[in-house]
N, C-alpha and C. Protein backbone atom coordinates (compact mmCIF):
# COMPACT_ATOMS: atom_id res chain seq x y z
N MET A 1 21.44 -2.00 30.80
CA MET A 1 20.21 -2.76 30.73
C MET A 1 20.01 -3.23 29.29
N ASN A 2 19.97 -4.52 29.07
CA ASN A 2 19.83 -5.07 27.73
C ASN A 2 18.43 -5.66 27.59
N ASN A 3 17.55 -4.93 26.95
CA ASN A 3 16.15 -5.32 26.78
C ASN A 3 15.94 -6.03 25.46
N LYS A 4 15.12 -7.08 25.45
CA LYS A 4 14.74 -7.72 24.18
C LYS A 4 13.94 -6.76 23.32
N HIS A 5 13.12 -5.96 23.97
CA HIS A 5 12.25 -5.01 23.28
C HIS A 5 12.74 -3.59 23.53
N SER A 6 13.94 -3.29 23.08
CA SER A 6 14.45 -1.95 23.32
C SER A 6 13.63 -0.95 22.51
N THR A 7 13.59 0.26 23.00
CA THR A 7 12.80 1.29 22.35
C THR A 7 13.69 2.48 22.05
N GLN A 8 13.20 3.32 21.19
CA GLN A 8 13.89 4.55 20.83
C GLN A 8 12.87 5.68 20.86
N GLN A 9 13.24 6.76 21.47
CA GLN A 9 12.34 7.91 21.56
C GLN A 9 12.45 8.76 20.30
N ILE A 10 11.31 9.26 19.84
CA ILE A 10 11.29 10.21 18.74
C ILE A 10 10.42 11.39 19.14
N SER A 11 10.60 12.48 18.45
CA SER A 11 9.68 13.60 18.64
C SER A 11 9.32 14.11 17.26
N LEU A 12 8.15 14.66 17.14
CA LEU A 12 7.72 15.19 15.86
C LEU A 12 6.79 16.36 16.08
N ARG A 13 6.74 17.17 15.07
CA ARG A 13 5.83 18.32 15.12
C ARG A 13 4.62 17.98 14.26
N MET A 14 3.46 18.38 14.75
CA MET A 14 2.24 18.14 14.00
C MET A 14 1.31 19.32 14.22
N PRO A 15 0.36 19.49 13.34
CA PRO A 15 -0.61 20.56 13.54
C PRO A 15 -1.35 20.37 14.87
N LEU A 16 -1.71 21.46 15.47
CA LEU A 16 -2.39 21.44 16.76
C LEU A 16 -3.67 20.60 16.71
N ALA A 17 -4.41 20.71 15.63
CA ALA A 17 -5.67 19.94 15.51
C ALA A 17 -5.40 18.44 15.54
N ASP A 18 -4.32 18.00 14.88
CA ASP A 18 -3.97 16.57 14.90
C ASP A 18 -3.61 16.12 16.32
N HIS A 19 -2.84 16.95 17.02
CA HIS A 19 -2.46 16.63 18.39
C HIS A 19 -3.69 16.56 19.29
N GLN A 20 -4.59 17.50 19.11
CA GLN A 20 -5.81 17.50 19.93
C GLN A 20 -6.63 16.23 19.69
N ARG A 21 -6.68 15.77 18.44
CA ARG A 21 -7.39 14.52 18.15
C ARG A 21 -6.73 13.34 18.85
N LEU A 22 -5.39 13.33 18.86
CA LEU A 22 -4.68 12.26 19.58
C LEU A 22 -5.01 12.29 21.07
N VAL A 23 -5.00 13.48 21.65
CA VAL A 23 -5.30 13.62 23.08
C VAL A 23 -6.72 13.16 23.38
N LEU A 24 -7.68 13.60 22.57
CA LEU A 24 -9.07 13.19 22.79
C LEU A 24 -9.25 11.68 22.66
N ASP A 25 -8.60 11.10 21.66
CA ASP A 25 -8.69 9.66 21.46
C ASP A 25 -8.06 8.91 22.64
N ALA A 26 -6.93 9.42 23.12
CA ALA A 26 -6.28 8.79 24.27
C ALA A 26 -7.17 8.87 25.51
N GLU A 27 -7.79 10.01 25.71
CA GLU A 27 -8.68 10.17 26.86
C GLU A 27 -9.88 9.22 26.78
N LYS A 28 -10.46 9.11 25.56
CA LYS A 28 -11.61 8.21 25.38
C LYS A 28 -11.24 6.76 25.66
N ARG A 29 -10.03 6.38 25.27
CA ARG A 29 -9.61 4.99 25.43
C ARG A 29 -8.92 4.72 26.76
N GLY A 30 -8.67 5.77 27.51
CA GLY A 30 -8.02 5.59 28.80
C GLY A 30 -6.57 5.17 28.66
N THR A 31 -5.88 5.71 27.70
CA THR A 31 -4.48 5.37 27.47
C THR A 31 -3.68 6.64 27.22
N THR A 32 -2.47 6.48 26.79
CA THR A 32 -1.60 7.64 26.59
C THR A 32 -1.60 8.07 25.12
N VAL A 33 -1.19 9.31 24.91
CA VAL A 33 -1.05 9.83 23.55
C VAL A 33 0.00 9.00 22.80
N ALA A 34 1.05 8.62 23.50
CA ALA A 34 2.11 7.81 22.87
C ALA A 34 1.55 6.47 22.38
N ASP A 35 0.70 5.84 23.17
CA ASP A 35 0.10 4.56 22.74
C ASP A 35 -0.76 4.76 21.49
N ILE A 36 -1.54 5.81 21.47
CA ILE A 36 -2.39 6.09 20.30
C ILE A 36 -1.51 6.36 19.08
N ALA A 37 -0.45 7.14 19.26
CA ALA A 37 0.45 7.44 18.14
C ALA A 37 1.10 6.16 17.62
N ARG A 38 1.55 5.28 18.52
CA ARG A 38 2.14 4.00 18.10
C ARG A 38 1.13 3.17 17.31
N GLN A 39 -0.10 3.11 17.83
CA GLN A 39 -1.14 2.34 17.14
C GLN A 39 -1.38 2.88 15.74
N ARG A 40 -1.43 4.19 15.61
CA ARG A 40 -1.69 4.80 14.29
C ARG A 40 -0.53 4.57 13.34
N ILE A 41 0.69 4.61 13.85
CA ILE A 41 1.85 4.33 12.99
C ILE A 41 1.79 2.88 12.52
N GLN A 42 1.47 1.96 13.42
CA GLN A 42 1.36 0.55 13.04
C GLN A 42 0.25 0.34 12.01
N LEU A 43 -0.88 1.01 12.19
CA LEU A 43 -1.98 0.90 11.23
C LEU A 43 -1.56 1.44 9.86
N ALA A 44 -0.83 2.54 9.87
CA ALA A 44 -0.36 3.12 8.61
C ALA A 44 0.58 2.15 7.90
N GLU A 45 1.46 1.50 8.66
CA GLU A 45 2.37 0.51 8.07
C GLU A 45 1.58 -0.67 7.48
N GLN A 46 0.56 -1.11 8.20
CA GLN A 46 -0.27 -2.21 7.70
C GLN A 46 -1.00 -1.80 6.42
N GLN A 47 -1.47 -0.57 6.37
CA GLN A 47 -2.16 -0.09 5.17
C GLN A 47 -1.21 -0.04 3.98
N ILE A 48 0.03 0.36 4.20
CA ILE A 48 1.02 0.40 3.13
C ILE A 48 1.29 -1.02 2.63
N GLU A 49 1.45 -1.96 3.55
CA GLU A 49 1.66 -3.36 3.16
C GLU A 49 0.46 -3.89 2.37
N LEU A 50 -0.74 -3.58 2.83
CA LEU A 50 -1.95 -4.03 2.15
C LEU A 50 -2.04 -3.43 0.75
N LYS A 51 -1.72 -2.15 0.64
CA LYS A 51 -1.73 -1.49 -0.67
C LYS A 51 -0.75 -2.15 -1.62
N ASP A 52 0.44 -2.49 -1.12
CA ASP A 52 1.44 -3.18 -1.95
C ASP A 52 0.95 -4.55 -2.39
N MET A 53 0.32 -5.28 -1.47
CA MET A 53 -0.19 -6.60 -1.82
C MET A 53 -1.31 -6.50 -2.86
N LEU A 54 -2.20 -5.53 -2.68
CA LEU A 54 -3.29 -5.34 -3.65
C LEU A 54 -2.75 -4.95 -5.02
N SER A 55 -1.74 -4.12 -5.03
CA SER A 55 -1.11 -3.72 -6.29
C SER A 55 -0.52 -4.93 -6.99
N SER A 56 0.09 -5.80 -6.23
CA SER A 56 0.66 -7.03 -6.79
C SER A 56 -0.43 -7.92 -7.38
N VAL A 57 -1.55 -8.04 -6.68
CA VAL A 57 -2.67 -8.84 -7.17
C VAL A 57 -3.23 -8.24 -8.46
N VAL A 58 -3.36 -6.93 -8.51
CA VAL A 58 -3.84 -6.26 -9.72
C VAL A 58 -2.91 -6.55 -10.89
N ASN A 59 -1.60 -6.48 -10.65
CA ASN A 59 -0.64 -6.77 -11.72
C ASN A 59 -0.76 -8.20 -12.22
N ILE A 60 -0.90 -9.13 -11.31
CA ILE A 60 -1.04 -10.54 -11.69
C ILE A 60 -2.32 -10.75 -12.49
N LEU A 61 -3.43 -10.20 -12.01
CA LEU A 61 -4.70 -10.35 -12.71
C LEU A 61 -4.68 -9.70 -14.09
N THR A 62 -4.07 -8.53 -14.18
CA THR A 62 -3.97 -7.85 -15.47
C THR A 62 -3.17 -8.69 -16.46
N SER A 63 -2.07 -9.25 -15.99
CA SER A 63 -1.24 -10.09 -16.84
C SER A 63 -2.01 -11.32 -17.32
N HIS A 64 -2.72 -11.96 -16.40
CA HIS A 64 -3.49 -13.15 -16.77
C HIS A 64 -4.63 -12.80 -17.74
N MET A 65 -5.30 -11.68 -17.48
CA MET A 65 -6.38 -11.27 -18.38
C MET A 65 -5.84 -10.98 -19.78
N PHE A 66 -4.68 -10.34 -19.84
CA PHE A 66 -4.09 -10.04 -21.14
C PHE A 66 -3.74 -11.32 -21.87
N THR A 67 -3.14 -12.26 -21.17
CA THR A 67 -2.77 -13.54 -21.79
C THR A 67 -4.00 -14.27 -22.30
N ILE A 68 -5.03 -14.37 -21.48
CA ILE A 68 -6.26 -15.05 -21.87
C ILE A 68 -6.90 -14.37 -23.07
N THR A 69 -7.00 -13.04 -23.00
CA THR A 69 -7.63 -12.28 -24.10
C THR A 69 -6.86 -12.44 -25.40
N SER A 70 -5.53 -12.40 -25.33
CA SER A 70 -4.75 -12.52 -26.56
C SER A 70 -4.84 -13.92 -27.15
N VAL A 71 -4.97 -14.93 -26.30
CA VAL A 71 -5.14 -16.30 -26.81
C VAL A 71 -6.52 -16.45 -27.45
N VAL A 72 -7.56 -15.95 -26.77
CA VAL A 72 -8.92 -16.05 -27.30
C VAL A 72 -9.03 -15.29 -28.63
N ALA A 73 -8.35 -14.14 -28.70
CA ALA A 73 -8.39 -13.34 -29.93
C ALA A 73 -7.54 -13.95 -31.04
N GLY A 74 -6.73 -14.94 -30.69
CA GLY A 74 -5.90 -15.60 -31.69
C GLY A 74 -4.75 -14.73 -32.19
N LEU A 75 -4.21 -13.89 -31.33
CA LEU A 75 -3.12 -13.01 -31.74
C LEU A 75 -1.82 -13.79 -31.92
N ASN A 76 -1.10 -13.46 -33.00
CA ASN A 76 0.22 -14.05 -33.18
C ASN A 76 1.19 -13.27 -32.29
N PRO A 77 2.43 -13.75 -32.13
CA PRO A 77 3.36 -13.08 -31.22
C PRO A 77 3.58 -11.59 -31.52
N ASP A 78 3.64 -11.21 -32.80
CA ASP A 78 3.83 -9.79 -33.13
C ASP A 78 2.60 -8.97 -32.74
N GLU A 79 1.42 -9.49 -33.05
CA GLU A 79 0.19 -8.79 -32.69
C GLU A 79 0.06 -8.66 -31.17
N LYS A 80 0.46 -9.72 -30.48
CA LYS A 80 0.39 -9.72 -29.02
C LYS A 80 1.30 -8.63 -28.45
N GLU A 81 2.50 -8.50 -28.97
CA GLU A 81 3.42 -7.47 -28.48
C GLU A 81 2.92 -6.06 -28.82
N ASN A 82 2.34 -5.89 -30.00
CA ASN A 82 1.75 -4.59 -30.36
C ASN A 82 0.60 -4.24 -29.43
N ALA A 83 -0.24 -5.23 -29.15
CA ALA A 83 -1.36 -5.01 -28.24
C ALA A 83 -0.84 -4.69 -26.84
N ARG A 84 0.19 -5.40 -26.41
CA ARG A 84 0.78 -5.16 -25.08
C ARG A 84 1.30 -3.72 -25.00
N ALA A 85 1.99 -3.26 -26.04
CA ALA A 85 2.54 -1.89 -26.05
C ALA A 85 1.42 -0.85 -25.98
N LEU A 86 0.34 -1.09 -26.73
CA LEU A 86 -0.80 -0.17 -26.70
C LEU A 86 -1.45 -0.12 -25.31
N ILE A 87 -1.65 -1.27 -24.73
CA ILE A 87 -2.29 -1.34 -23.40
C ILE A 87 -1.41 -0.71 -22.34
N GLU A 88 -0.10 -0.98 -22.41
CA GLU A 88 0.81 -0.39 -21.43
C GLU A 88 0.82 1.13 -21.54
N ALA A 89 0.73 1.63 -22.77
CA ALA A 89 0.69 3.08 -22.95
C ALA A 89 -0.60 3.66 -22.35
N GLN A 90 -1.71 2.95 -22.52
CA GLN A 90 -2.98 3.43 -21.98
C GLN A 90 -3.02 3.33 -20.45
N LEU A 91 -2.48 2.23 -19.92
CA LEU A 91 -2.48 2.04 -18.48
C LEU A 91 -1.36 2.81 -17.78
N LYS A 92 -0.38 3.22 -18.56
CA LYS A 92 0.80 3.92 -18.05
C LYS A 92 1.56 3.06 -17.04
N ARG A 93 1.60 1.76 -17.31
CA ARG A 93 2.40 0.83 -16.50
C ARG A 93 2.63 -0.44 -17.31
N LYS A 94 3.62 -1.19 -16.89
CA LYS A 94 4.01 -2.41 -17.59
C LYS A 94 3.06 -3.57 -17.27
N ILE A 95 2.88 -4.41 -18.28
CA ILE A 95 2.19 -5.69 -18.09
C ILE A 95 3.26 -6.74 -18.20
N LYS A 96 3.43 -7.50 -17.18
CA LYS A 96 4.51 -8.52 -17.19
C LYS A 96 4.10 -9.72 -17.97
């Protein structure tokens, strides 16, 4: 049988309280525990994607703010690099 939407079975262990929450949620929604688990996995994946996109936006905004601030402050290239190094040390991440 060649399905376009083939599936793969997995099993996992979880704390009893987590399983009970899945069962209760499935009962409330009139669906299966598997459906609820799939929905939660998909939501978690979406949250990870959203977090990555927000992180990218923060990096872009930080870079633009640094560029604007250094131009307004009239920093020469050496001063700008010194300021960049100080800010990166304080933020503990690179400014592109």
